C-alpha cells in the first residue's frame, strides 16, 4: 500500500469598521496624515470592533478598497460622503 497526504488550506478573516469625526478644515489630501498623527481617536474602537467581529470565509477582498492581496492585514480610510480615501 502507498500513502497519500490530503491537505486543505482554508482562509478566514475578520472585518471591522468604525466611524470617527475629524475637523472640517482638514483638506482631503491631509486626512491620511491627520489619522496617522491621531490614531488615539480610533485605535481602541477598531480593536474592540475587530475583536467582536465574526470570522468570515474568504480573503476579505470584497470589501470596498480592500485590494492588497499579498498583505496579511490591511487598513484604509474613506471620507464619508466623498469619493476619497486610501490605505493607512
Protein backbone atom coordinates (compact mmCIF):
# COMPACT_ATOMS: atom_id res chain seq x y z
CA UNK A 1 0.00 0.00 0.00
CA UNK A 2 1.08 3.58 -0.74
CA UNK A 3 0.26 6.53 1.44
CA UNK A 4 -1.36 9.76 0.30
CA UNK A 5 -1.46 13.03 2.20
CA UNK A 6 -4.65 15.05 1.86
CA UNK A 7 -4.25 18.79 2.57
CA UNK A 8 -6.57 21.75 2.71
CA UNK A 9 -5.97 25.43 3.26
CA UNK A 10 -9.00 27.48 4.32
CA UNK A 11 -8.72 31.21 4.79
CA UNK A 12 -10.87 33.13 7.24
CA UNK A 13 -10.79 36.82 8.02
CA UNK A 14 -12.36 39.40 10.28
CA UNK A 15 -13.58 42.79 9.11
CA UNK A 16 -14.49 45.80 11.21
CA UNK A 17 -15.00 49.49 10.69
CA UNK A 18 -15.63 52.47 12.94
CA UNK A 19 -16.68 56.00 12.10
CA UNK A 20 -14.95 58.97 13.70
CA UNK A 21 -15.19 62.73 13.27
CA UNK A 22 -12.38 64.94 12.04
CA UNK A 23 -12.29 68.76 11.93
CA UNK A 24 -13.94 70.35 8.87
CA UNK A 25 -10.88 72.41 7.96
CA UNK A 26 -8.72 69.40 7.09
CA UNK A 27 -8.21 69.08 3.31
CA UNK A 28 -8.73 65.65 1.73
CA UNK A 29 -5.02 65.36 1.00
CA UNK A 30 -4.25 65.90 4.70
CA UNK A 31 -6.71 63.36 6.16
CA UNK A 32 -4.19 60.49 5.93
CA UNK A 33 -1.59 62.45 7.94
CA UNK A 34 -4.21 63.56 10.47
CA UNK A 35 -5.29 59.95 11.05
CA UNK A 36 -1.72 58.73 11.45
CA UNK A 37 -0.92 61.52 13.94
CA UNK A 38 -4.16 60.96 15.88
CA UNK A 39 -4.58 57.20 15.95
CA UNK A 40 -5.77 57.53 19.55
CA UNK A 41 -9.08 58.73 18.04
CA UNK A 42 -9.86 55.26 16.65
CA UNK A 43 -7.33 52.68 17.87
CA UNK A 44 -9.29 51.35 20.85
CA UNK A 45 -12.59 51.41 18.97
CA UNK A 46 -11.27 49.48 15.97
CA UNK A 47 -9.54 46.97 18.25
CA UNK A 48 -12.83 46.35 20.05
CA UNK A 49 -14.78 46.13 16.79
CA UNK A 50 -12.37 43.59 15.26
CA UNK A 51 -12.44 41.56 18.48
CA UNK A 52 -16.25 41.40 18.38
CA UNK A 53 -16.50 40.66 14.64
CA UNK A 54 -17.07 37.11 13.47
CA UNK A 55 -14.75 35.13 11.23
CA UNK A 56 -15.84 35.01 7.60
CA UNK A 57 -14.68 32.56 4.97
CA UNK A 58 -12.57 34.04 2.18
CA UNK A 59 -9.93 36.68 1.67
CA UNK A 60 -11.98 39.78 2.56
CA UNK A 61 -11.19 41.49 -0.71
CA UNK A 62 -14.86 42.08 -1.47
CA UNK A 63 -14.93 44.98 1.00
CA UNK A 64 -14.59 48.33 -0.77
CA UNK A 65 -10.98 49.32 -1.32
CA UNK A 66 -9.51 46.20 0.24
CA UNK A 67 -7.21 45.03 -2.53
CA UNK A 68 -3.78 44.21 -1.09
CA UNK A 69 -3.82 40.51 -1.92
CA UNK A 70 -0.31 39.85 -0.62
CA UNK A 71 -0.87 41.55 2.76
CA UNK A 72 -1.93 39.70 5.87
CA UNK A 73 -3.61 42.83 7.24
CA UNK A 74 -4.93 45.94 5.57
CA UNK A 75 -6.06 49.32 6.92
CA UNK A 76 -7.76 52.10 4.98
CA UNK A 77 -9.88 55.21 5.44
CA UNK A 78 -12.75 56.60 3.38
CA UNK A 79 -14.22 60.06 3.87
CA UNK A 80 -17.98 59.66 4.35
CA UNK A 81 -19.98 61.27 1.55
CA UNK A 82 -16.93 61.88 -0.63
CA UNK A 83 -15.14 59.79 -3.20
CA UNK A 84 -11.83 60.00 -1.35
CA UNK A 85 -9.89 57.51 0.74
CA UNK A 86 -6.75 55.46 0.88
CA UNK A 87 -4.66 52.99 2.79
CA UNK A 88 -3.22 53.70 6.21
